[in-house]
Amino acid sequence: MIDKQLLRLLGNNKKYIFYTVSLMIIGLLANICITASICQAIYRAANYNPQNDSIGIFLIPALPALIGIAIRYFTTRFSGNLKDLLSRKVKKEIREKLYDKILRLGIRSTDDMSMAGLTQVSMEGIEQLDLYYSSYIPQFFYAILAPVILFVVTVWIDWQVAFVPLIPISIIAVSRYAKKIFAKYWDKYTSMGDSFLDSVQGLRELKIFKADEAQHIKMNQNAEEFRKITMKVLVMQLASTTIMDFVAYGGAGIGISVAVMGVINRGLSPITALFLILVAVDFFLPLRAFGSAFHIAMNGASAGRKILSLLEQPDPIWGEEEVTGTEIKMEDVTFSYDGKRDVLKN
């Protein structure tokens, strides 16, 4: 789920992921506090006696709710700012590393990657990789921790409802298939760009040798292959989104049903059941959001692996000798394209 090699590209920026996840967890705890305060207020309203109780009894749940709302607001805002900061720092540093590497490699930089592929990776690839770092990785850790925290909170209230959040683990299985599809998609994307650039650069030669029509057919074939892999990506995204929606909202429905049955059959308090019903969605929304971020980020991860392969190429070892003579001389050169007619003779 997490590529350790891609994490190395972050360098010292990993701390921003820790800060972001911490703020998201604090926001989750604040949301639990708000939900508990609402349930407490409803309980007090249901048992309110004008003769014995004053209106001040509602201030007790109102104060934690207001504090929770304020904390939730600031954690949501600050976590968004941290994601934006991480995004800008990562793009800047990776672009600098890639540019410096290309300068050190010189002409060798195009040995394993064409100029078109290099352009795509260094521009759009880094933009896509940004989403992997700023959205996918923080949501991944939050999606793991949030159900565990909610389980610890609710297991003391009703253990049967608490075990429901284990259902979304099935979402992880979808990601394995998606990862392979996105790898093929990026390969087709770069190869099509290579073919198009080569065709445009060699258009004059293709016209001279009357091979432009054959190249046109080949480009159409490449475009059709890319269209098919794009359709596979879209079908996979639609199918996995449907599965995740079914698991997430179906799981929330199961949790609500178990809580209602607890009131009917196990003597569970209606207010307690209401609290479990309201937090049931929080079991599943983090994983649902993670699934959405996954589809966006996997394209960037595929580009990131190509960036890593370029950065890991050994730097050229330059000699210390100096060139004294720069004259290049050719004598008696003969060349033929087809072996029949010489285009260069002696």
Protein backbone atom coordinates (compact mmCIF):
# COMPACT_ATOMS: atom_id res chain seq x y z
CA MET A 1 0.00 0.00 0.00
CA ILE A 2 2.91 2.38 0.76
CA ASP A 3 6.01 2.44 -1.44
CA LYS A 4 9.03 2.85 0.86
CA GLN A 5 11.23 4.02 -2.01
CA LEU A 6 8.82 6.85 -2.81
CA LEU A 7 8.81 7.83 0.86
CA ARG A 8 12.56 8.38 0.63
CA LEU A 9 11.95 11.21 -1.83
CA LEU A 10 10.19 13.15 0.93
CA GLY A 11 13.35 13.57 2.99
CA ASN A 12 12.71 15.79 6.01
CA ASN A 13 9.17 16.55 4.82
CA LYS A 14 7.88 13.33 6.43
CA LYS A 15 7.19 15.37 9.58
CA TYR A 16 4.35 17.18 7.82
CA ILE A 17 2.57 13.86 7.26
CA PHE A 18 2.84 13.11 10.99
CA TYR A 19 1.47 16.57 11.87
CA THR A 20 -1.39 16.22 9.37
CA VAL A 21 -2.46 12.78 10.62
CA SER A 22 -2.26 13.97 14.24
CA LEU A 23 -4.57 16.90 13.46
CA MET A 24 -7.01 14.60 11.67
CA ILE A 25 -7.14 12.28 14.70
CA ILE A 26 -7.67 15.24 17.06
CA GLY A 27 -10.51 16.34 14.78
CA LEU A 28 -12.02 12.84 14.98
CA LEU A 29 -11.91 12.93 18.79
CA ALA A 30 -13.53 16.38 18.72
CA ASN A 31 -16.28 15.00 16.48
CA ILE A 32 -16.91 12.17 18.96
CA CYS A 33 -17.15 14.79 21.72
CA ILE A 34 -19.68 16.80 19.67
CA THR A 35 -21.77 13.68 19.01
CA ALA A 36 -21.73 12.72 22.69
CA SER A 37 -22.78 16.25 23.67
CA ILE A 38 -25.69 16.19 21.21
CA CYS A 39 -26.87 12.84 22.58
CA GLN A 40 -26.57 14.16 26.15
CA ALA A 41 -28.60 17.24 25.23
CA ILE A 42 -31.33 15.08 23.66
CA TYR A 43 -31.38 12.89 26.78
CA ARG A 44 -31.76 15.91 29.05
CA ALA A 45 -34.49 17.36 26.80
CA ALA A 46 -36.41 14.03 26.86
CA ASN A 47 -36.27 13.93 30.67
CA TYR A 48 -36.72 17.66 31.23
CA ASN A 49 -39.07 18.59 34.09
CA PRO A 50 -39.95 22.32 34.17
CA GLN A 51 -40.81 22.13 37.87
CA ASN A 52 -37.54 20.61 39.10
CA ASP A 53 -35.02 21.43 36.32
CA SER A 54 -33.73 24.75 35.10
CA ILE A 55 -32.70 25.67 31.58
CA GLY A 56 -29.11 25.70 32.80
CA ILE A 57 -28.85 21.91 32.58
CA PHE A 58 -28.40 22.29 28.84
CA LEU A 59 -25.24 24.34 29.34
CA ILE A 60 -23.38 21.25 30.54
CA PRO A 61 -23.50 19.46 27.13
CA ALA A 62 -23.40 22.76 25.19
CA LEU A 63 -19.96 23.79 26.45
CA PRO A 64 -18.12 20.59 25.32
CA ALA A 65 -20.00 20.76 22.00
CA LEU A 66 -18.81 24.34 21.36
CA ILE A 67 -15.24 23.43 22.31
CA GLY A 68 -15.41 20.38 20.02
CA ILE A 69 -16.74 22.47 17.12
CA ALA A 70 -13.90 24.98 17.54
CA ILE A 71 -11.28 22.21 17.68
CA ARG A 72 -12.81 20.50 14.66
CA TYR A 73 -12.74 23.74 12.68
CA PHE A 74 -9.11 24.54 13.46
CA THR A 75 -7.85 20.98 12.91
CA THR A 76 -9.60 20.78 9.54
CA ARG A 77 -8.20 24.13 8.48
CA PHE A 78 -4.66 23.51 9.73
CA SER A 79 -4.49 20.01 8.25
CA GLY A 80 -5.50 21.48 4.88
CA ASN A 81 -2.76 24.11 5.21
CA LEU A 82 -0.20 21.43 6.08
CA LYS A 83 -1.19 19.38 3.03
CA ASP A 84 -0.75 22.45 0.85
CA LEU A 85 2.65 23.18 2.43
CA LEU A 86 3.75 19.57 1.93
CA SER A 87 2.56 19.69 -1.68
CA ARG A 88 4.58 22.82 -2.52
CA LYS A 89 7.75 21.65 -0.77
CA VAL A 90 7.66 18.19 -2.36
CA LYS A 91 7.15 19.52 -5.90
CA LYS A 92 9.93 22.07 -5.49
CA GLU A 93 12.47 19.60 -4.08
CA ILE A 94 11.72 16.79 -6.55
CA ARG A 95 11.96 19.18 -9.50
CA GLU A 96 15.33 20.41 -8.23
CA LYS A 97 16.62 16.85 -7.75
CA LEU A 98 15.41 15.79 -11.19
CA TYR A 99 16.83 18.85 -12.93
CA ASP A 100 20.21 18.49 -11.21
CA LYS A 101 20.31 14.80 -12.13
CA ILE A 102 19.56 15.51 -15.79
CA LEU A 103 22.35 18.10 -15.86
CA ARG A 104 24.81 15.61 -14.36
CA LEU A 105 23.81 12.84 -16.75
CA GLY A 106 23.86 15.09 -19.80
CA ILE A 107 23.05 13.25 -23.02
CA ARG A 108 22.94 9.97 -21.09
CA SER A 109 19.67 11.03 -19.48
CA THR A 110 17.86 9.89 -22.62
CA ASP A 111 19.41 6.41 -22.67
CA ASP A 112 16.66 4.74 -20.61
CA MET A 113 13.95 7.37 -21.15
CA SER A 114 13.14 9.29 -24.30
CA MET A 115 12.87 13.06 -24.36
CA ALA A 116 9.06 12.85 -24.53
CA GLY A 117 8.94 10.48 -21.55
CA LEU A 118 11.37 12.70 -19.65
CA THR A 119 9.17 15.73 -20.28
CA GLN A 120 6.01 13.91 -19.19
CA VAL A 121 7.59 12.56 -16.01
CA SER A 122 9.25 15.82 -14.99
CA MET A 123 6.12 17.92 -15.54
CA GLU A 124 2.82 16.02 -15.28
CA GLY A 125 4.42 13.11 -13.38
CA ILE A 126 5.51 15.39 -10.52
CA GLU A 127 2.07 17.02 -10.44
CA GLN A 128 0.48 13.58 -10.09
CA LEU A 129 3.07 12.49 -7.50
CA ASP A 130 2.15 15.54 -5.44
CA LEU A 131 -1.32 14.05 -4.84
CA TYR A 132 0.30 10.81 -3.68
CA TYR A 133 2.17 12.63 -0.92
CA SER A 134 -0.33 15.32 0.09
CA SER A 135 -3.58 13.30 -0.06
CA TYR A 136 -2.96 9.56 -0.29
CA ILE A 137 -0.34 8.94 2.42
CA PRO A 138 -1.98 11.05 5.21
CA GLN A 139 -5.37 9.51 4.41
CA PHE A 140 -3.82 6.02 4.45
CA PHE A 141 -2.56 6.34 8.04
CA TYR A 142 -5.75 8.09 9.14
CA ALA A 143 -7.92 5.36 7.57
CA ILE A 144 -6.00 2.75 9.59
CA LEU A 145 -6.08 4.62 12.90
CA ALA A 146 -9.63 6.02 12.82
CA PRO A 147 -11.53 2.67 12.97
CA VAL A 148 -9.17 1.47 15.73
CA ILE A 149 -9.83 4.61 17.80
CA LEU A 150 -13.58 4.31 17.27
CA PHE A 151 -13.41 0.61 18.17
CA VAL A 152 -11.66 1.46 21.46
CA VAL A 153 -14.31 4.09 22.20
CA THR A 154 -17.37 1.98 21.37
CA VAL A 155 -16.27 -1.48 22.54
CA TRP A 156 -17.03 -0.44 26.13
CA ILE A 157 -20.52 0.63 25.11
CA ASP A 158 -21.59 -2.29 22.90
CA TRP A 159 -18.99 -4.78 21.61
CA GLN A 160 -21.25 -6.10 18.83
CA VAL A 161 -21.48 -2.68 17.21
CA ALA A 162 -17.76 -2.08 17.78
CA PHE A 163 -16.77 -5.08 15.65
CA VAL A 164 -18.65 -3.78 12.59
CA PRO A 165 -15.77 -1.48 11.44
CA LEU A 166 -13.64 -4.51 10.67
CA ILE A 167 -15.72 -4.94 7.49
CA PRO A 168 -13.97 -2.17 5.46
CA ILE A 169 -10.70 -4.12 5.42
CA SER A 170 -12.03 -5.72 2.23
CA ILE A 171 -11.49 -2.40 0.46
CA ILE A 172 -7.73 -3.01 0.58
CA ALA A 173 -8.12 -5.96 -1.79
CA VAL A 174 -9.35 -3.61 -4.52
CA SER A 175 -6.10 -1.65 -4.44
CA ARG A 176 -3.93 -4.59 -5.52
CA TYR A 177 -5.68 -4.90 -8.88
CA ALA A 178 -5.77 -1.13 -9.38
CA LYS A 179 -2.02 -0.81 -8.87
CA LYS A 180 -1.27 -3.11 -11.83
CA ILE A 181 -3.71 -1.28 -14.11
CA PHE A 182 -2.18 2.13 -13.36
CA ALA A 183 1.34 0.85 -14.03
CA LYS A 184 0.26 -0.31 -17.51
CA TYR A 185 -1.61 2.95 -18.07
CA TRP A 186 1.45 5.12 -17.40
CA ASP A 187 3.66 2.93 -19.62
CA LYS A 188 1.20 3.31 -22.50
CA TYR A 189 0.94 7.03 -21.84
CA THR A 190 4.69 7.63 -22.06
CA SER A 191 5.18 5.28 -25.04
CA MET A 192 2.44 7.06 -26.98
CA GLY A 193 4.10 10.39 -26.22
CA ASP A 194 7.43 8.99 -27.43
CA SER A 195 5.89 7.76 -30.69
CA PHE A 196 4.11 11.06 -31.33
CA LEU A 197 7.24 13.16 -30.71
CA ASP A 198 9.38 10.91 -32.92
CA SER A 199 6.80 11.10 -35.69
CA VAL A 200 6.60 14.89 -35.55
CA GLN A 201 10.38 15.31 -35.43
CA GLY A 202 10.85 12.92 -38.34
CA LEU A 203 7.91 14.15 -40.40
CA ARG A 204 10.13 15.55 -43.15
CA GLU A 205 12.00 12.25 -43.54
CA LEU A 206 8.72 10.33 -43.50
CA LYS A 207 7.45 12.53 -46.34
CA ILE A 208 10.67 12.15 -48.30
CA PHE A 209 10.58 8.35 -48.15
CA LYS A 210 6.77 8.22 -48.47
CA ALA A 211 6.45 6.39 -45.16
CA ASP A 212 4.10 8.92 -43.55
CA GLU A 213 0.98 6.84 -44.29
CA ALA A 214 2.42 3.75 -42.59
CA GLN A 215 3.45 5.86 -39.60
CA HIS A 216 -0.02 7.36 -39.49
CA ILE A 217 -1.52 3.84 -39.21
CA LYS A 218 0.96 2.99 -36.45
CA MET A 219 0.04 6.14 -34.50
CA ASN A 220 -3.64 5.27 -34.79
CA GLN A 221 -2.90 1.81 -33.39
CA ASN A 222 -1.02 3.34 -30.44
CA ALA A 223 -3.89 5.74 -29.81
CA GLU A 224 -6.37 2.85 -29.86
CA GLU A 225 -4.27 0.87 -27.37
CA PHE A 226 -4.12 3.89 -25.10
CA ARG A 227 -7.89 4.35 -25.40
CA LYS A 228 -8.44 0.74 -24.33
CA ILE A 229 -6.16 0.98 -21.28
CA THR A 230 -7.87 4.27 -20.35
CA MET A 231 -11.25 2.54 -20.52
CA LYS A 232 -9.89 -0.24 -18.30
CA VAL A 233 -8.80 2.37 -15.76
CA LEU A 234 -12.22 4.02 -15.80
CA VAL A 235 -14.04 0.67 -15.48
CA MET A 236 -11.77 -0.33 -12.61
CA GLN A 237 -12.39 2.99 -10.85
CA LEU A 238 -16.15 2.68 -11.29
CA ALA A 239 -16.18 -0.92 -10.04
CA SER A 240 -13.97 -0.23 -7.03
CA THR A 241 -15.96 2.91 -6.15
CA THR A 242 -19.15 0.86 -6.25
CA ILE A 243 -17.59 -1.79 -4.00
CA MET A 244 -16.32 0.83 -1.56
CA ASP A 245 -19.70 2.57 -1.42
CA PHE A 246 -21.41 -0.74 -0.81
CA VAL A 247 -18.98 -1.69 1.95
CA ALA A 248 -18.88 1.76 3.57
CA TYR A 249 -22.56 2.64 3.59
CA GLY A 250 -23.65 -0.98 3.90
CA GLY A 251 -21.36 -1.35 6.91
CA ALA A 252 -22.79 1.82 8.44
CA GLY A 253 -26.28 0.39 7.88
CA ILE A 254 -25.28 -2.84 9.60
CA GLY A 255 -23.92 -0.87 12.55
CA ILE A 256 -27.16 1.09 12.82
CA SER A 257 -29.20 -2.14 12.60
CA VAL A 258 -27.13 -3.80 15.33
CA ALA A 259 -27.60 -0.74 17.56
CA VAL A 260 -31.39 -0.74 17.00
CA MET A 261 -31.56 -4.48 17.69
CA GLY A 262 -29.58 -3.84 20.86
CA VAL A 263 -32.33 -1.51 22.07
CA ILE A 264 -35.00 -4.09 21.25
CA ASN A 265 -33.33 -7.29 22.42
CA ARG A 266 -30.42 -6.45 24.72
CA GLY A 267 -31.81 -3.56 26.73
CA LEU A 268 -29.47 -0.97 25.24
CA SER A 269 -30.34 2.60 26.16
CA PRO A 270 -31.96 4.54 23.29
CA ILE A 271 -29.57 7.47 23.85
CA THR A 272 -26.59 5.12 23.78
CA ALA A 273 -27.92 3.56 20.59
CA LEU A 274 -28.34 7.05 19.12
CA PHE A 275 -24.67 7.80 19.89
CA LEU A 276 -23.58 4.56 18.19
CA ILE A 277 -25.76 5.34 15.17
CA LEU A 278 -24.29 8.84 14.78
CA VAL A 279 -20.67 7.64 15.02
CA ALA A 280 -21.30 4.63 12.77
CA VAL A 281 -20.50 6.66 9.65
CA ASP A 282 -17.16 7.72 11.16
CA PHE A 283 -16.14 4.06 11.08
CA PHE A 284 -16.28 3.99 7.30
CA LEU A 285 -15.81 7.48 5.86
CA PRO A 286 -11.99 7.54 6.39
CA LEU A 287 -11.57 4.34 4.37
CA ARG A 288 -14.01 5.61 1.77
CA ALA A 289 -12.00 8.82 1.40
CA PHE A 290 -8.82 6.74 1.26
CA GLY A 291 -10.26 4.72 -1.61
CA SER A 292 -10.99 7.90 -3.56
CA ALA A 293 -7.48 9.24 -2.91
CA PHE A 294 -6.02 5.90 -3.99
CA HIS A 295 -7.29 6.15 -7.57
CA ILE A 296 -5.93 9.69 -7.89
CA ALA A 297 -2.55 8.87 -6.36
CA MET A 298 -1.69 5.59 -8.09
CA ASN A 299 -1.07 7.38 -11.37
CA GLY A 300 1.43 9.60 -9.56
CA ALA A 301 3.04 6.58 -7.88
CA SER A 302 3.67 5.01 -11.30
CA ALA A 303 5.33 8.24 -12.44
CA GLY A 304 7.26 8.37 -9.17
CA ARG A 305 8.84 4.98 -9.82
CA LYS A 306 10.08 6.27 -13.18
CA ILE A 307 11.52 9.34 -11.45
CA LEU A 308 13.27 7.05 -8.96
CA SER A 309 14.76 4.95 -11.74
CA LEU A 310 16.19 8.11 -13.29
CA LEU A 311 17.53 9.48 -9.99
CA GLU A 312 19.19 6.13 -9.18
CA GLN A 313 21.19 6.05 -12.40
CA PRO A 314 24.95 6.27 -11.66
CA ASP A 315 26.55 9.61 -12.43
CA PRO A 316 29.07 9.60 -15.29
CA ILE A 317 32.74 9.35 -14.31
CA TRP A 318 34.70 12.01 -16.16
CA GLY A 319 38.35 11.56 -17.03
CA GLU A 320 41.12 14.05 -16.35
CA GLU A 321 42.74 14.07 -19.78
CA GLU A 322 42.26 17.07 -22.04
CA VAL A 323 41.42 16.93 -25.73
CA THR A 324 44.19 18.44 -27.84
CA GLY A 325 43.01 17.86 -31.41
CA THR A 326 39.42 18.58 -32.46
CA GLU A 327 39.69 17.85 -36.18
CA ILE A 328 37.35 15.15 -37.55
CA LYS A 329 38.18 13.77 -40.97
CA MET A 330 36.24 11.29 -43.14
CA GLU A 331 37.67 9.68 -46.28
CA ASP A 332 36.26 7.23 -48.82
CA VAL A 333 32.86 6.94 -47.12
CA THR A 334 30.18 5.05 -49.02
CA PHE A 335 26.63 4.51 -47.77
CA SER A 336 23.44 3.00 -49.12
CA TYR A 337 19.99 2.80 -47.58
CA ASP A 338 18.76 -0.22 -49.57
CA GLY A 339 22.04 -1.88 -50.55
CA LYS A 340 21.38 -1.15 -54.22
CA ARG A 341 21.78 2.57 -54.76
CA ASP A 342 24.61 4.52 -53.11
CA VAL A 343 23.60 7.86 -51.64
CA LEU A 344 27.22 8.54 -50.62
CA LYS A 345 30.06 7.29 -52.84
CA ASN A 346 33.73 7.69 -51.88
